[in-house]
Amino acid sequence: MKDLNRLKIVLVEKKKTSKWLAEQLGKNASTVSKWCTNTSQPDLQTLDKIASLLGCDKKELITD
């Protein structure tokens, strides 16, 4: 199965943790961990919030 998002990579590039992201979004840390491991995916609205928090374009968070 192909990874659908690059969230883990972008977090590292931005020097942020999944725990930080979970706190910013008001989400459970295990939910964000599942996104980082591509076990599950955030919805588009959440993806937009993540991009805003990380100061990047949504396209950077999605694999091509």
N, C-alpha and C. Protein backbone atom coordinates (compact mmCIF):
# COMPACT_ATOMS: atom_id res chain seq x y z
N MET A 1 0.83 -1.18 0.00
CA MET A 1 0.00 0.00 0.00
C MET A 1 0.88 1.25 0.00
N LYS A 2 0.55 2.18 -0.85
CA LYS A 2 1.34 3.40 -0.98
C LYS A 2 0.95 4.41 0.10
N ASP A 3 1.97 5.10 0.65
CA ASP A 3 1.69 6.16 1.60
C ASP A 3 0.95 7.29 0.89
N LEU A 4 -0.07 7.82 1.55
CA LEU A 4 -0.88 8.87 0.94
C LEU A 4 -0.49 10.27 1.40
N ASN A 5 0.17 10.35 2.56
CA ASN A 5 0.57 11.68 3.01
C ASN A 5 2.03 11.71 3.44
N ARG A 6 2.58 12.90 3.51
CA ARG A 6 3.97 13.13 3.89
C ARG A 6 4.04 13.83 5.24
N LEU A 7 3.02 13.69 6.04
CA LEU A 7 2.93 14.44 7.29
C LEU A 7 4.15 14.25 8.19
N LYS A 8 4.57 13.02 8.35
CA LYS A 8 5.73 12.74 9.22
C LYS A 8 6.98 13.46 8.71
N ILE A 9 7.19 13.45 7.42
CA ILE A 9 8.36 14.08 6.80
C ILE A 9 8.31 15.60 6.98
N VAL A 10 7.14 16.18 6.72
CA VAL A 10 6.99 17.63 6.84
C VAL A 10 7.16 18.08 8.29
N LEU A 11 6.65 17.30 9.23
CA LEU A 11 6.85 17.63 10.65
C LEU A 11 8.33 17.69 10.99
N VAL A 12 9.09 16.73 10.51
CA VAL A 12 10.54 16.71 10.76
C VAL A 12 11.19 17.93 10.11
N GLU A 13 10.82 18.22 8.87
CA GLU A 13 11.39 19.38 8.17
C GLU A 13 11.10 20.69 8.91
N LYS A 14 9.92 20.78 9.52
CA LYS A 14 9.51 22.01 10.24
C LYS A 14 9.93 21.98 11.71
N LYS A 15 10.62 20.90 12.11
CA LYS A 15 11.09 20.72 13.48
C LYS A 15 9.94 20.77 14.50
N LYS A 16 8.86 20.07 14.15
CA LYS A 16 7.69 19.96 15.02
C LYS A 16 7.44 18.49 15.31
N THR A 17 6.72 18.22 16.39
CA THR A 17 6.41 16.84 16.76
C THR A 17 4.93 16.55 16.51
N SER A 18 4.61 15.28 16.45
CA SER A 18 3.21 14.89 16.29
C SER A 18 2.43 15.27 17.54
N LYS A 19 3.09 15.25 18.70
CA LYS A 19 2.43 15.67 19.95
C LYS A 19 2.06 17.15 19.87
N TRP A 20 2.96 17.98 19.37
CA TRP A 20 2.68 19.40 19.20
C TRP A 20 1.48 19.60 18.28
N LEU A 21 1.48 18.87 17.17
CA LEU A 21 0.39 18.99 16.20
C LEU A 21 -0.94 18.57 16.82
N ALA A 22 -0.94 17.49 17.57
CA ALA A 22 -2.16 17.03 18.23
C ALA A 22 -2.70 18.10 19.18
N GLU A 23 -1.80 18.73 19.93
CA GLU A 23 -2.22 19.78 20.85
C GLU A 23 -2.81 20.98 20.10
N GLN A 24 -2.18 21.37 19.00
CA GLN A 24 -2.66 22.51 18.22
C GLN A 24 -4.03 22.26 17.61
N LEU A 25 -4.27 21.01 17.22
CA LEU A 25 -5.53 20.65 16.57
C LEU A 25 -6.62 20.23 17.55
N GLY A 26 -6.22 20.01 18.81
CA GLY A 26 -7.18 19.50 19.79
C GLY A 26 -7.56 18.06 19.51
N LYS A 27 -6.62 17.32 18.95
CA LYS A 27 -6.85 15.91 18.60
C LYS A 27 -6.06 15.01 19.55
N ASN A 28 -6.46 13.77 19.60
CA ASN A 28 -5.74 12.78 20.39
C ASN A 28 -4.40 12.48 19.71
N ALA A 29 -3.35 12.34 20.50
CA ALA A 29 -2.01 12.07 19.95
C ALA A 29 -1.99 10.78 19.13
N SER A 30 -2.79 9.79 19.52
CA SER A 30 -2.81 8.53 18.76
C SER A 30 -3.42 8.72 17.38
N THR A 31 -4.35 9.65 17.25
CA THR A 31 -4.95 9.95 15.95
C THR A 31 -3.89 10.53 15.02
N VAL A 32 -3.13 11.50 15.52
CA VAL A 32 -2.08 12.12 14.71
C VAL A 32 -1.00 11.10 14.38
N SER A 33 -0.70 10.22 15.31
CA SER A 33 0.28 9.17 15.06
C SER A 33 -0.17 8.27 13.91
N LYS A 34 -1.45 7.96 13.84
CA LYS A 34 -1.99 7.14 12.74
C LYS A 34 -1.84 7.87 11.41
N TRP A 35 -2.03 9.20 11.43
CA TRP A 35 -1.84 9.97 10.20
C TRP A 35 -0.38 9.91 9.77
N CYS A 36 0.54 10.03 10.75
CA CYS A 36 1.98 10.04 10.44
C CYS A 36 2.46 8.70 9.89
N THR A 37 1.82 7.63 10.31
CA THR A 37 2.22 6.30 9.83
C THR A 37 1.36 5.84 8.65
N ASN A 38 0.48 6.72 8.17
CA ASN A 38 -0.42 6.42 7.06
C ASN A 38 -1.36 5.25 7.33
N THR A 39 -1.67 5.03 8.62
CA THR A 39 -2.66 4.02 8.98
C THR A 39 -4.05 4.55 8.68
N SER A 40 -4.22 5.87 8.90
CA SER A 40 -5.46 6.55 8.53
C SER A 40 -5.09 7.94 8.01
N GLN A 41 -6.08 8.65 7.49
CA GLN A 41 -5.81 9.95 6.87
C GLN A 41 -6.68 11.03 7.49
N PRO A 42 -6.15 12.24 7.61
CA PRO A 42 -6.99 13.35 8.08
C PRO A 42 -7.97 13.77 6.99
N ASP A 43 -9.10 14.34 7.40
CA ASP A 43 -10.03 14.83 6.39
C ASP A 43 -9.46 16.11 5.76
N LEU A 44 -10.08 16.58 4.69
CA LEU A 44 -9.53 17.73 3.95
C LEU A 44 -9.53 19.01 4.78
N GLN A 45 -10.53 19.19 5.60
CA GLN A 45 -10.58 20.38 6.46
C GLN A 45 -9.42 20.36 7.45
N THR A 46 -9.15 19.20 8.04
CA THR A 46 -8.05 19.06 8.98
C THR A 46 -6.72 19.24 8.26
N LEU A 47 -6.62 18.70 7.05
CA LEU A 47 -5.39 18.85 6.26
C LEU A 47 -5.10 20.33 6.00
N ASP A 48 -6.14 21.10 5.77
CA ASP A 48 -6.00 22.54 5.57
C ASP A 48 -5.47 23.21 6.84
N LYS A 49 -6.00 22.81 8.00
CA LYS A 49 -5.53 23.35 9.28
C LYS A 49 -4.07 22.98 9.53
N ILE A 50 -3.70 21.74 9.20
CA ILE A 50 -2.33 21.29 9.39
C ILE A 50 -1.38 22.12 8.54
N ALA A 51 -1.74 22.34 7.28
CA ALA A 51 -0.91 23.14 6.38
C ALA A 51 -0.73 24.55 6.92
N SER A 52 -1.80 25.11 7.45
CA SER A 52 -1.74 26.46 8.02
C SER A 52 -0.82 26.49 9.23
N LEU A 53 -0.95 25.53 10.11
CA LEU A 53 -0.11 25.47 11.32
C LEU A 53 1.36 25.30 10.98
N LEU A 54 1.64 24.52 9.93
CA LEU A 54 3.03 24.25 9.56
C LEU A 54 3.58 25.28 8.58
N GLY A 55 2.73 26.20 8.13
CA GLY A 55 3.18 27.23 7.20
C GLY A 55 3.60 26.66 5.86
N CYS A 56 2.83 25.72 5.36
CA CYS A 56 3.15 25.12 4.06
C CYS A 56 1.87 24.98 3.24
N ASP A 57 2.05 24.60 2.00
CA ASP A 57 0.91 24.36 1.10
C ASP A 57 0.39 22.95 1.34
N LYS A 58 -0.92 22.75 1.18
CA LYS A 58 -1.49 21.42 1.35
C LYS A 58 -0.81 20.40 0.44
N LYS A 59 -0.38 20.84 -0.74
CA LYS A 59 0.27 19.93 -1.68
C LYS A 59 1.51 19.29 -1.09
N GLU A 60 2.20 20.03 -0.21
CA GLU A 60 3.41 19.48 0.42
C GLU A 60 3.10 18.31 1.33
N LEU A 61 1.87 18.24 1.82
CA LEU A 61 1.48 17.19 2.76
C LEU A 61 0.99 15.92 2.09
N ILE A 62 0.80 15.99 0.78
CA ILE A 62 0.25 14.84 0.04
C ILE A 62 1.30 14.32 -0.94
N THR A 63 1.39 13.00 -1.01
CA THR A 63 2.35 12.41 -1.96
C THR A 63 1.81 12.53 -3.37
N ASP A 64 2.73 12.52 -4.34
CA ASP A 64 2.28 12.64 -5.72
C ASP A 64 1.98 11.31 -6.36
